[in-house]
Amino acid sequence: MKLKPIADRVVLRQLEAEETTKGGIILTSKSQEKPQEAQVVAVGPGGMVDGKEIKMEVTVGDKVIYSKYAGTEVKIGDDEYIVVKHNDILAIVQ
């Protein structure tokens, strides 16, 4: 199954959380903070949203940082995705 976002939506695959701290302490899965970094899997067409022209600035494969509480988590099979609005993406990591 494939996800095809509509309007100004973007589908992200969250990157793995750090398992150790900078000091070398191994974190359990419960104490790991959810990363805000993800890879773009699919991008909607943009267009007119609420009377404003939306130009999509991300492309599939981009590594991005998104707002902490943004989006809707979706699980399809064994894969987990986050669907966010284009304006919830804060930066493209280069």
Protein backbone atom coordinates (compact mmCIF):
# COMPACT_ATOMS: atom_id res chain seq x y z
CA MET A 1 0.00 0.00 0.00
CA LYS A 2 1.23 3.49 -0.88
CA LEU A 3 0.35 6.78 0.76
CA LYS A 4 -0.44 9.70 -1.55
CA PRO A 5 -0.88 12.95 0.42
CA ILE A 6 -3.34 15.60 -0.71
CA ALA A 7 -3.09 19.40 -0.75
CA ASP A 8 -0.22 20.67 1.43
CA ARG A 9 0.43 17.40 3.29
CA VAL A 10 3.78 15.59 3.51
CA VAL A 11 4.37 11.96 4.57
CA LEU A 12 7.46 11.44 6.74
CA ARG A 13 9.32 8.38 8.00
CA GLN A 14 10.79 9.16 11.40
CA LEU A 15 14.51 8.55 11.82
CA GLU A 16 15.73 6.28 14.61
CA ALA A 17 16.18 7.74 18.10
CA GLU A 18 19.63 7.95 19.62
CA GLU A 19 20.34 4.91 21.79
CA THR A 20 23.26 6.40 23.70
CA THR A 21 23.97 9.83 25.17
CA LYS A 22 27.07 11.86 24.34
CA GLY A 23 28.52 10.60 27.62
CA GLY A 24 28.06 6.97 26.55
CA ILE A 25 24.99 6.11 28.66
CA ILE A 26 22.72 3.58 26.93
CA LEU A 27 19.07 4.67 26.93
CA THR A 28 16.12 2.29 27.18
CA SER A 29 13.38 2.68 24.60
CA LYS A 30 11.09 4.38 27.16
CA SER A 31 13.65 7.04 28.06
CA GLN A 32 14.56 7.86 24.46
CA GLU A 33 13.17 11.17 23.30
CA LYS A 34 11.18 11.00 20.09
CA PRO A 35 13.35 12.56 17.37
CA GLN A 36 12.04 15.47 15.36
CA GLU A 37 14.09 14.45 12.34
CA ALA A 38 12.51 12.50 9.49
CA GLN A 39 12.87 11.58 5.84
CA VAL A 40 10.27 12.72 3.30
CA VAL A 41 8.48 9.74 1.75
CA ALA A 42 5.73 11.49 -0.26
CA VAL A 43 4.72 15.09 -1.00
CA GLY A 44 1.27 16.44 -1.85
CA PRO A 45 0.70 18.65 -4.90
CA GLY A 46 0.33 21.92 -2.96
CA GLY A 47 -1.95 24.36 -4.80
CA MET A 48 -4.63 26.53 -3.23
CA VAL A 49 -5.18 25.92 0.48
CA ASP A 50 -7.50 28.28 2.40
CA GLY A 51 -7.27 30.81 -0.42
CA LYS A 52 -3.46 30.90 -0.43
CA GLU A 53 -1.11 29.46 -3.05
CA ILE A 54 1.09 26.77 -1.44
CA LYS A 55 4.36 25.89 -3.20
CA MET A 56 5.87 22.68 -1.86
CA GLU A 57 9.52 23.25 -0.91
CA VAL A 58 10.44 19.68 0.03
CA THR A 59 10.97 16.68 -2.22
CA VAL A 60 10.99 12.94 -1.66
CA GLY A 61 14.22 11.87 0.02
CA ASP A 62 14.83 15.18 1.85
CA LYS A 63 15.85 14.93 5.51
CA VAL A 64 13.78 17.43 7.52
CA ILE A 65 13.13 18.72 11.03
CA TYR A 66 9.46 19.10 11.96
CA SER A 67 7.47 20.59 14.86
CA LYS A 68 7.49 18.46 18.00
CA TYR A 69 3.74 17.80 18.30
CA ALA A 70 2.87 18.03 14.61
CA GLY A 71 1.11 15.54 12.42
CA THR A 72 -0.81 12.32 12.60
CA GLU A 73 0.93 9.00 13.13
CA VAL A 74 -0.11 6.25 10.71
CA LYS A 75 0.91 2.60 10.76
CA ILE A 76 0.68 0.55 7.57
CA GLY A 77 1.84 -3.01 8.01
CA ASP A 78 5.15 -2.84 9.87
CA ASP A 79 5.93 0.69 8.70
CA GLU A 80 5.12 3.83 10.70
CA TYR A 81 4.66 7.24 9.09
CA ILE A 82 3.77 10.76 10.17
CA VAL A 83 1.54 12.92 7.97
CA VAL A 84 2.18 16.64 8.55
CA LYS A 85 1.16 19.91 6.96
CA HIS A 86 3.81 21.62 4.87
CA ASN A 87 4.07 24.52 7.36
CA ASP A 88 4.90 22.05 10.20
CA ILE A 89 8.26 21.37 8.54
CA LEU A 90 10.79 23.74 10.08
CA ALA A 91 13.96 23.05 8.07
CA ILE A 92 15.63 20.85 5.49
CA VAL A 93 18.84 19.21 6.76
CA GLN A 94 21.66 19.45 4.22
